[in-house]
Amino acid sequence: MKQHIKAIFLATLALIGSCSAYVIAEYNEALDHGASELQTKVDTFLNDLEQHAGAPEAEYERNSGFYEEVRGDISVLRKTASEHRGNDITIKSLGLIEDNVDKLEKMHAEGISAEEIAIVRKLFDTQFRMLIQFENAKKRKEV
């Protein structure tokens, strides 16, 4: 009987020790505002790129600075998010957005059509919508 009690006690301790509370960071207006500004910047760029597809204004060489600027914005947001425990989801979301900025840059450098830009825009819109909704849920304390 003591063996069973000891086994149950050890199993209970192991279970309690393996459970960890997942902490979500508090709402941060700088992250929310920064993500919205970044979405606007990317969307404006994609609109311009789509309108001028095939024209010199849309050439990669004329627009390459956009990519470094956006990476800098993402870096600032990631730094802000990393200053507070519980922003893992936000940091991962920003990483995915940055990965897709890299992919967009590669597509742009190789030549991108207006049809491809329309698809890319939808993907970015989805990613930004998820990030911004998550940040707003923090404000409403829904997460």
N, C-alpha and C. Protein backbone atom coordinates (compact mmCIF):
# COMPACT_ATOMS: atom_id res chain seq x y z
N MET A 1 0.83 -1.19 0.00
CA MET A 1 0.00 0.00 0.00
C MET A 1 0.87 1.25 0.00
N LYS A 2 1.95 1.25 0.81
CA LYS A 2 2.84 2.41 0.87
C LYS A 2 3.51 2.65 -0.49
N GLN A 3 3.79 1.56 -1.21
CA GLN A 3 4.39 1.68 -2.53
C GLN A 3 3.46 2.43 -3.47
N HIS A 4 2.16 2.13 -3.43
CA HIS A 4 1.17 2.78 -4.30
C HIS A 4 1.03 4.25 -3.94
N ILE A 5 0.99 4.54 -2.65
CA ILE A 5 0.86 5.94 -2.21
C ILE A 5 2.08 6.73 -2.63
N LYS A 6 3.25 6.12 -2.46
CA LYS A 6 4.49 6.79 -2.85
C LYS A 6 4.51 7.02 -4.36
N ALA A 7 4.09 6.04 -5.13
CA ALA A 7 4.05 6.17 -6.60
C ALA A 7 3.07 7.25 -7.03
N ILE A 8 1.90 7.28 -6.39
CA ILE A 8 0.90 8.31 -6.71
C ILE A 8 1.44 9.69 -6.34
N PHE A 9 2.07 9.79 -5.19
CA PHE A 9 2.64 11.07 -4.73
C PHE A 9 3.71 11.56 -5.72
N LEU A 10 4.61 10.67 -6.12
CA LEU A 10 5.67 11.05 -7.07
C LEU A 10 5.08 11.42 -8.43
N ALA A 11 4.07 10.68 -8.88
CA ALA A 11 3.42 11.00 -10.15
C ALA A 11 2.73 12.36 -10.08
N THR A 12 2.10 12.66 -8.95
CA THR A 12 1.44 13.94 -8.77
C THR A 12 2.46 15.08 -8.78
N LEU A 13 3.57 14.89 -8.09
CA LEU A 13 4.63 15.90 -8.09
C LEU A 13 5.17 16.13 -9.49
N ALA A 14 5.38 15.05 -10.22
CA ALA A 14 5.88 15.18 -11.59
C ALA A 14 4.88 15.92 -12.47
N LEU A 15 3.61 15.62 -12.30
CA LEU A 15 2.57 16.28 -13.08
C LEU A 15 2.52 17.77 -12.76
N ILE A 16 2.55 18.11 -11.49
CA ILE A 16 2.52 19.52 -11.09
C ILE A 16 3.76 20.24 -11.59
N GLY A 17 4.90 19.57 -11.47
CA GLY A 17 6.14 20.19 -11.93
C GLY A 17 6.20 20.40 -13.42
N SER A 18 5.52 19.54 -14.16
CA SER A 18 5.57 19.65 -15.62
C SER A 18 4.57 20.67 -16.15
N CYS A 19 3.60 21.05 -15.35
CA CYS A 19 2.61 22.05 -15.76
C CYS A 19 3.16 23.43 -15.48
N SER A 20 3.16 24.25 -16.49
CA SER A 20 3.61 25.61 -16.28
C SER A 20 2.54 26.54 -16.84
N ALA A 21 2.34 27.60 -16.16
CA ALA A 21 1.34 28.58 -16.60
C ALA A 21 1.92 29.38 -17.75
N TYR A 22 1.16 29.49 -18.80
CA TYR A 22 1.60 30.29 -19.94
C TYR A 22 1.18 31.72 -19.68
N VAL A 23 2.14 32.61 -19.69
CA VAL A 23 1.89 34.00 -19.37
C VAL A 23 1.79 34.81 -20.66
N ILE A 24 0.77 35.62 -20.76
CA ILE A 24 0.61 36.54 -21.88
C ILE A 24 0.92 37.93 -21.36
N ALA A 25 1.74 38.64 -22.09
CA ALA A 25 2.14 39.99 -21.68
C ALA A 25 0.94 40.93 -21.66
N GLU A 26 1.08 41.99 -20.92
CA GLU A 26 0.07 43.04 -20.88
C GLU A 26 0.05 43.76 -22.23
N TYR A 27 -1.05 44.45 -22.48
CA TYR A 27 -1.20 45.24 -23.70
C TYR A 27 -0.11 46.31 -23.73
N ASN A 28 0.45 46.50 -24.91
CA ASN A 28 1.48 47.52 -25.11
C ASN A 28 1.06 48.36 -26.31
N GLU A 29 0.73 49.61 -26.05
CA GLU A 29 0.26 50.50 -27.10
C GLU A 29 1.30 50.68 -28.21
N ALA A 30 2.58 50.69 -27.84
CA ALA A 30 3.64 50.86 -28.84
C ALA A 30 3.64 49.69 -29.83
N LEU A 31 3.41 48.47 -29.34
CA LEU A 31 3.35 47.31 -30.24
C LEU A 31 2.12 47.38 -31.14
N ASP A 32 1.00 47.71 -30.55
CA ASP A 32 -0.25 47.80 -31.31
C ASP A 32 -0.14 48.87 -32.39
N HIS A 33 0.31 50.04 -32.00
CA HIS A 33 0.43 51.16 -32.94
C HIS A 33 1.49 50.85 -34.00
N GLY A 34 2.63 50.29 -33.57
CA GLY A 34 3.70 49.97 -34.50
C GLY A 34 3.30 48.92 -35.52
N ALA A 35 2.54 47.92 -35.08
CA ALA A 35 2.07 46.88 -36.00
C ALA A 35 1.11 47.47 -37.02
N SER A 36 0.24 48.37 -36.58
CA SER A 36 -0.70 49.02 -37.50
C SER A 36 0.03 49.89 -38.51
N GLU A 37 1.03 50.63 -38.05
CA GLU A 37 1.82 51.46 -38.97
C GLU A 37 2.58 50.61 -39.97
N LEU A 38 3.11 49.50 -39.50
CA LEU A 38 3.85 48.60 -40.39
C LEU A 38 2.91 48.01 -41.44
N GLN A 39 1.72 47.63 -41.03
CA GLN A 39 0.74 47.11 -41.99
C GLN A 39 0.43 48.15 -43.05
N THR A 40 0.23 49.39 -42.64
CA THR A 40 -0.07 50.46 -43.59
C THR A 40 1.09 50.66 -44.56
N LYS A 41 2.32 50.63 -44.03
CA LYS A 41 3.51 50.81 -44.87
C LYS A 41 3.62 49.71 -45.92
N VAL A 42 3.43 48.47 -45.49
CA VAL A 42 3.53 47.33 -46.42
C VAL A 42 2.40 47.39 -47.45
N ASP A 43 1.19 47.68 -47.00
CA ASP A 43 0.05 47.74 -47.91
C ASP A 43 0.22 48.86 -48.94
N THR A 44 0.68 50.02 -48.50
CA THR A 44 0.92 51.14 -49.42
C THR A 44 1.97 50.76 -50.46
N PHE A 45 3.04 50.12 -50.00
CA PHE A 45 4.09 49.68 -50.92
C PHE A 45 3.54 48.70 -51.95
N LEU A 46 2.76 47.72 -51.48
CA LEU A 46 2.21 46.73 -52.40
C LEU A 46 1.23 47.36 -53.39
N ASN A 47 0.44 48.33 -52.94
CA ASN A 47 -0.46 49.04 -53.85
C ASN A 47 0.32 49.76 -54.94
N ASP A 48 1.36 50.48 -54.53
CA ASP A 48 2.19 51.20 -55.49
C ASP A 48 2.87 50.24 -56.46
N LEU A 49 3.38 49.15 -55.91
CA LEU A 49 4.06 48.16 -56.74
C LEU A 49 3.09 47.55 -57.76
N GLU A 50 1.88 47.27 -57.31
CA GLU A 50 0.89 46.68 -58.21
C GLU A 50 0.46 47.67 -59.30
N GLN A 51 0.27 48.92 -58.93
CA GLN A 51 -0.14 49.94 -59.91
C GLN A 51 0.92 50.18 -60.97
N HIS A 52 2.18 50.01 -60.58
CA HIS A 52 3.27 50.30 -61.52
C HIS A 52 3.97 49.03 -62.02
N ALA A 53 3.34 47.88 -61.83
CA ALA A 53 3.94 46.62 -62.26
C ALA A 53 4.35 46.70 -63.73
N GLY A 54 5.58 46.33 -64.00
CA GLY A 54 6.10 46.35 -65.36
C GLY A 54 6.71 47.69 -65.75
N ALA A 55 6.50 48.72 -64.95
CA ALA A 55 7.04 50.06 -65.23
C ALA A 55 8.34 50.26 -64.44
N PRO A 56 9.15 51.22 -64.86
CA PRO A 56 10.41 51.47 -64.15
C PRO A 56 10.22 51.79 -62.66
N GLU A 57 9.08 52.42 -62.29
CA GLU A 57 8.84 52.77 -60.89
C GLU A 57 8.75 51.54 -59.99
N ALA A 58 8.44 50.39 -60.58
CA ALA A 58 8.27 49.17 -59.79
C ALA A 58 9.52 48.30 -59.78
N GLU A 59 10.57 48.72 -60.45
CA GLU A 59 11.78 47.91 -60.49
C GLU A 59 12.37 47.75 -59.10
N TYR A 60 12.91 46.58 -58.87
CA TYR A 60 13.48 46.25 -57.57
C TYR A 60 14.54 47.27 -57.13
N GLU A 61 15.43 47.62 -58.05
CA GLU A 61 16.53 48.51 -57.70
C GLU A 61 16.02 49.86 -57.15
N ARG A 62 14.91 50.32 -57.66
CA ARG A 62 14.35 51.60 -57.20
C ARG A 62 13.63 51.47 -55.86
N ASN A 63 13.34 50.26 -55.47
CA ASN A 63 12.55 50.04 -54.26
C ASN A 63 13.27 49.22 -53.19
N SER A 64 14.53 48.90 -53.40
CA SER A 64 15.24 48.01 -52.48
C SER A 64 15.34 48.59 -51.07
N GLY A 65 15.34 49.89 -50.93
CA GLY A 65 15.42 50.51 -49.60
C GLY A 65 14.21 50.20 -48.73
N PHE A 66 13.08 49.96 -49.36
CA PHE A 66 11.86 49.62 -48.61
C PHE A 66 12.09 48.41 -47.72
N TYR A 67 12.77 47.41 -48.24
CA TYR A 67 12.94 46.16 -47.51
C TYR A 67 13.78 46.35 -46.25
N GLU A 68 14.84 47.12 -46.36
CA GLU A 68 15.67 47.38 -45.17
C GLU A 68 14.91 48.23 -44.16
N GLU A 69 14.12 49.17 -44.64
CA GLU A 69 13.31 50.01 -43.75
C GLU A 69 12.31 49.16 -42.97
N VAL A 70 11.64 48.26 -43.66
CA VAL A 70 10.64 47.40 -43.02
C VAL A 70 11.32 46.45 -42.04
N ARG A 71 12.46 45.91 -42.40
CA ARG A 71 13.19 45.04 -41.47
C ARG A 71 13.58 45.81 -40.21
N GLY A 72 13.96 47.06 -40.38
CA GLY A 72 14.27 47.90 -39.22
C GLY A 72 13.05 48.11 -38.34
N ASP A 73 11.91 48.35 -38.95
CA ASP A 73 10.66 48.52 -38.19
C ASP A 73 10.32 47.24 -37.42
N ILE A 74 10.48 46.11 -38.08
CA ILE A 74 10.20 44.82 -37.43
C ILE A 74 11.15 44.60 -36.27
N SER A 75 12.41 44.95 -36.47
CA SER A 75 13.40 44.80 -35.41
C SER A 75 13.04 45.63 -34.18
N VAL A 76 12.58 46.84 -34.40
CA VAL A 76 12.17 47.70 -33.29
C VAL A 76 10.99 47.08 -32.55
N LEU A 77 10.02 46.59 -33.30
CA LEU A 77 8.85 45.96 -32.67
C LEU A 77 9.24 44.70 -31.91
N ARG A 78 10.14 43.92 -32.50
CA ARG A 78 10.59 42.69 -31.84
C ARG A 78 11.32 43.02 -30.54
N LYS A 79 12.14 44.06 -30.57
CA LYS A 79 12.86 44.49 -29.36
C LYS A 79 11.87 44.94 -28.29
N THR A 80 10.89 45.72 -28.69
CA THR A 80 9.87 46.18 -27.74
C THR A 80 9.13 44.98 -27.14
N ALA A 81 8.77 44.03 -27.97
CA ALA A 81 8.05 42.84 -27.49
C ALA A 81 8.91 42.00 -26.56
N SER A 82 10.20 41.89 -26.86
CA SER A 82 11.08 41.03 -26.07
C SER A 82 11.40 41.62 -24.70
N GLU A 83 11.07 42.87 -24.49
CA GLU A 83 11.33 43.50 -23.19
C GLU A 83 10.37 43.03 -22.11
N HIS A 84 9.30 42.33 -22.50
CA HIS A 84 8.30 41.88 -21.55
C HIS A 84 8.04 40.39 -21.73
N ARG A 85 8.05 39.68 -20.64
CA ARG A 85 7.76 38.26 -20.64
C ARG A 85 6.32 38.03 -21.13
N GLY A 86 6.13 37.01 -21.93
CA GLY A 86 4.80 36.65 -22.39
C GLY A 86 4.46 37.16 -23.77
N ASN A 87 5.45 37.65 -24.51
CA ASN A 87 5.22 38.14 -25.86
C ASN A 87 5.72 37.16 -26.92
N ASP A 88 5.82 35.89 -26.57
CA ASP A 88 6.34 34.90 -27.50
C ASP A 88 5.52 34.84 -28.79
N ILE A 89 4.21 34.90 -28.68
CA ILE A 89 3.36 34.83 -29.87
C ILE A 89 3.58 36.05 -30.75
N THR A 90 3.69 37.21 -30.14
CA THR A 90 3.95 38.45 -30.89
C THR A 90 5.30 38.36 -31.60
N ILE A 91 6.31 37.90 -30.91
CA ILE A 91 7.65 37.79 -31.49
C ILE A 91 7.65 36.79 -32.65
N LYS A 92 6.96 35.68 -32.49
CA LYS A 92 6.88 34.69 -33.58
C LYS A 92 6.12 35.27 -34.77
N SER A 93 5.05 36.01 -34.51
CA SER A 93 4.29 36.63 -35.59
C SER A 93 5.16 37.61 -36.38
N LEU A 94 5.94 38.40 -35.66
CA LEU A 94 6.84 39.35 -36.32
C LEU A 94 7.90 38.61 -37.13
N GLY A 95 8.37 37.49 -36.62
CA GLY A 95 9.33 36.68 -37.35
C GLY A 95 8.76 36.13 -38.65
N LEU A 96 7.50 35.71 -38.61
CA LEU A 96 6.84 35.21 -39.82
C LEU A 96 6.65 36.33 -40.84
N ILE A 97 6.29 37.50 -40.35
CA ILE A 97 6.15 38.65 -41.26
C ILE A 97 7.50 38.97 -41.89
N GLU A 98 8.55 38.96 -41.10
CA GLU A 98 9.88 39.23 -41.64
C GLU A 98 10.29 38.17 -42.67
N ASP A 99 9.99 36.92 -42.40
CA ASP A 99 10.28 35.85 -43.37
C ASP A 99 9.58 36.13 -44.70
N ASN A 100 8.34 36.59 -44.61
CA ASN A 100 7.59 36.88 -45.84
C ASN A 100 8.06 38.15 -46.53
N VAL A 101 8.59 39.09 -45.78
CA VAL A 101 9.22 40.26 -46.40
C VAL A 101 10.44 39.78 -47.21
N ASP A 102 11.20 38.86 -46.65
CA ASP A 102 12.36 38.29 -47.36
C ASP A 102 11.92 37.60 -48.65
N LYS A 103 10.83 36.84 -48.57
CA LYS A 103 10.33 36.14 -49.76
C LYS A 103 9.81 37.13 -50.81
N LEU A 104 9.12 38.17 -50.33
CA LEU A 104 8.64 39.20 -51.26
C LEU A 104 9.82 39.87 -51.95
N GLU A 105 10.86 40.17 -51.20
CA GLU A 105 12.03 40.82 -51.79
C GLU A 105 12.64 39.94 -52.87
N LYS A 106 12.73 38.65 -52.61
CA LYS A 106 13.30 37.73 -53.60
C LYS A 106 12.43 37.70 -54.86
N MET A 107 11.11 37.64 -54.65
CA MET A 107 10.19 37.63 -55.80
C MET A 107 10.32 38.93 -56.59
N HIS A 108 10.41 40.04 -55.86
CA HIS A 108 10.51 41.35 -56.50
C HIS A 108 11.80 41.44 -57.31
N ALA A 109 12.91 40.97 -56.75
CA ALA A 109 14.19 41.02 -57.44
C ALA A 109 14.17 40.17 -58.71
N GLU A 110 13.41 39.08 -58.68
CA GLU A 110 13.34 38.19 -59.84
C GLU A 110 12.27 38.62 -60.84
N GLY A 111 11.42 39.55 -60.44
CA GLY A 111 10.33 40.02 -61.29
C GLY A 111 9.00 39.50 -60.76
N ILE A 112 8.13 40.41 -60.40
CA ILE A 112 6.86 40.04 -59.80
C ILE A 112 5.72 40.67 -60.59
N SER A 113 4.67 39.90 -60.81
CA SER A 113 3.54 40.39 -61.59
C SER A 113 2.48 41.00 -60.67
N ALA A 114 1.57 41.74 -61.27
CA ALA A 114 0.47 42.35 -60.52
C ALA A 114 -0.39 41.26 -59.87
N GLU A 115 -0.58 40.15 -60.53
CA GLU A 115 -1.36 39.04 -59.97
C GLU A 115 -0.69 38.46 -58.73
N GLU A 116 0.62 38.30 -58.80
CA GLU A 116 1.37 37.79 -57.64
C GLU A 116 1.30 38.78 -56.48
N ILE A 117 1.38 40.05 -56.78
CA ILE A 117 1.31 41.08 -55.74
C ILE A 117 -0.03 41.02 -55.02
N ALA A 118 -1.10 40.81 -55.77
CA ALA A 118 -2.43 40.71 -55.16
C ALA A 118 -2.50 39.54 -54.17
N ILE A 119 -1.89 38.43 -54.52
CA ILE A 119 -1.87 37.27 -53.62
C ILE A 119 -1.02 37.56 -52.40
N VAL A 120 0.14 38.16 -52.61
CA VAL A 120 1.04 38.51 -51.51
C VAL A 120 0.33 39.46 -50.53
N ARG A 121 -0.41 40.42 -51.08
CA ARG A 121 -1.12 41.37 -50.22
C ARG A 121 -2.09 40.66 -49.29
N LYS A 122 -2.83 39.69 -49.83
CA LYS A 122 -3.78 38.94 -49.00
C LYS A 122 -3.07 38.20 -47.88
N LEU A 123 -1.92 37.63 -48.19
CA LEU A 123 -1.17 36.92 -47.16
C LEU A 123 -0.68 37.86 -46.06
N PHE A 124 -0.14 39.00 -46.45
CA PHE A 124 0.30 39.98 -45.46
C PHE A 124 -0.88 40.51 -44.65
N ASP A 125 -1.98 40.78 -45.31
CA ASP A 125 -3.17 41.27 -44.60
C ASP A 125 -3.60 40.29 -43.52
N THR A 126 -3.58 39.01 -43.84
CA THR A 126 -3.96 37.99 -42.87
C THR A 126 -2.99 37.97 -41.69
N GLN A 127 -1.71 38.03 -41.98
CA GLN A 127 -0.72 38.01 -40.90
C GLN A 127 -0.85 39.24 -40.00
N PHE A 128 -0.99 40.40 -40.60
CA PHE A 128 -1.12 41.62 -39.81
C PHE A 128 -2.43 41.64 -39.03
N ARG A 129 -3.49 41.18 -39.64
CA ARG A 129 -4.79 41.15 -38.94
C ARG A 129 -4.69 40.27 -37.69
N MET A 130 -4.06 39.12 -37.83
CA MET A 130 -3.90 38.23 -36.67
C MET A 130 -3.06 38.88 -35.58
N LEU A 131 -1.96 39.51 -35.96
CA LEU A 131 -1.09 40.17 -34.98
C LEU A 131 -1.83 41.31 -34.27
N ILE A 132 -2.50 42.14 -35.03
CA ILE A 132 -3.17 43.31 -34.45
C ILE A 132 -4.36 42.87 -33.59
N GLN A 133 -5.10 41.86 -34.03
CA GLN A 133 -6.21 41.36 -33.22
C GLN A 133 -5.70 40.77 -31.92
N PHE A 134 -4.56 40.09 -31.96
CA PHE A 134 -3.98 39.53 -30.74
C PHE A 134 -3.58 40.65 -29.79
N GLU A 135 -2.95 41.68 -30.32
CA GLU A 135 -2.54 42.81 -29.47
C GLU A 135 -3.77 43.50 -28.87
N ASN A 136 -4.83 43.65 -29.66
CA ASN A 136 -6.05 44.27 -29.15
C ASN A 136 -6.75 43.39 -28.13
N ALA A 137 -6.65 42.08 -28.27
CA ALA A 137 -7.23 41.17 -27.27
C ALA A 137 -6.53 41.35 -25.93
N LYS A 138 -5.24 41.66 -25.96
CA LYS A 138 -4.53 41.95 -24.72
C LYS A 138 -5.13 43.18 -24.05
N LYS A 139 -5.47 44.16 -24.84
CA LYS A 139 -6.04 45.39 -24.29
C LYS A 139 -7.37 45.09 -23.60
N ARG A 140 -8.15 44.22 -24.21
CA ARG A 140 -9.45 43.86 -23.64
C ARG A 140 -9.32 42.74 -22.62
N LYS A 141 -8.08 42.28 -22.41
CA LYS A 141 -7.78 41.18 -21.47
C LYS A 141 -8.54 39.91 -21.81
N GLU A 142 -8.62 39.62 -23.11
CA GLU A 142 -9.29 38.41 -23.57
C GLU A 142 -8.35 37.22 -23.70
N VAL A 143 -7.07 37.45 -23.53
CA VAL A 143 -6.12 36.34 -23.64
C VAL A 143 -5.45 36.12 -22.31
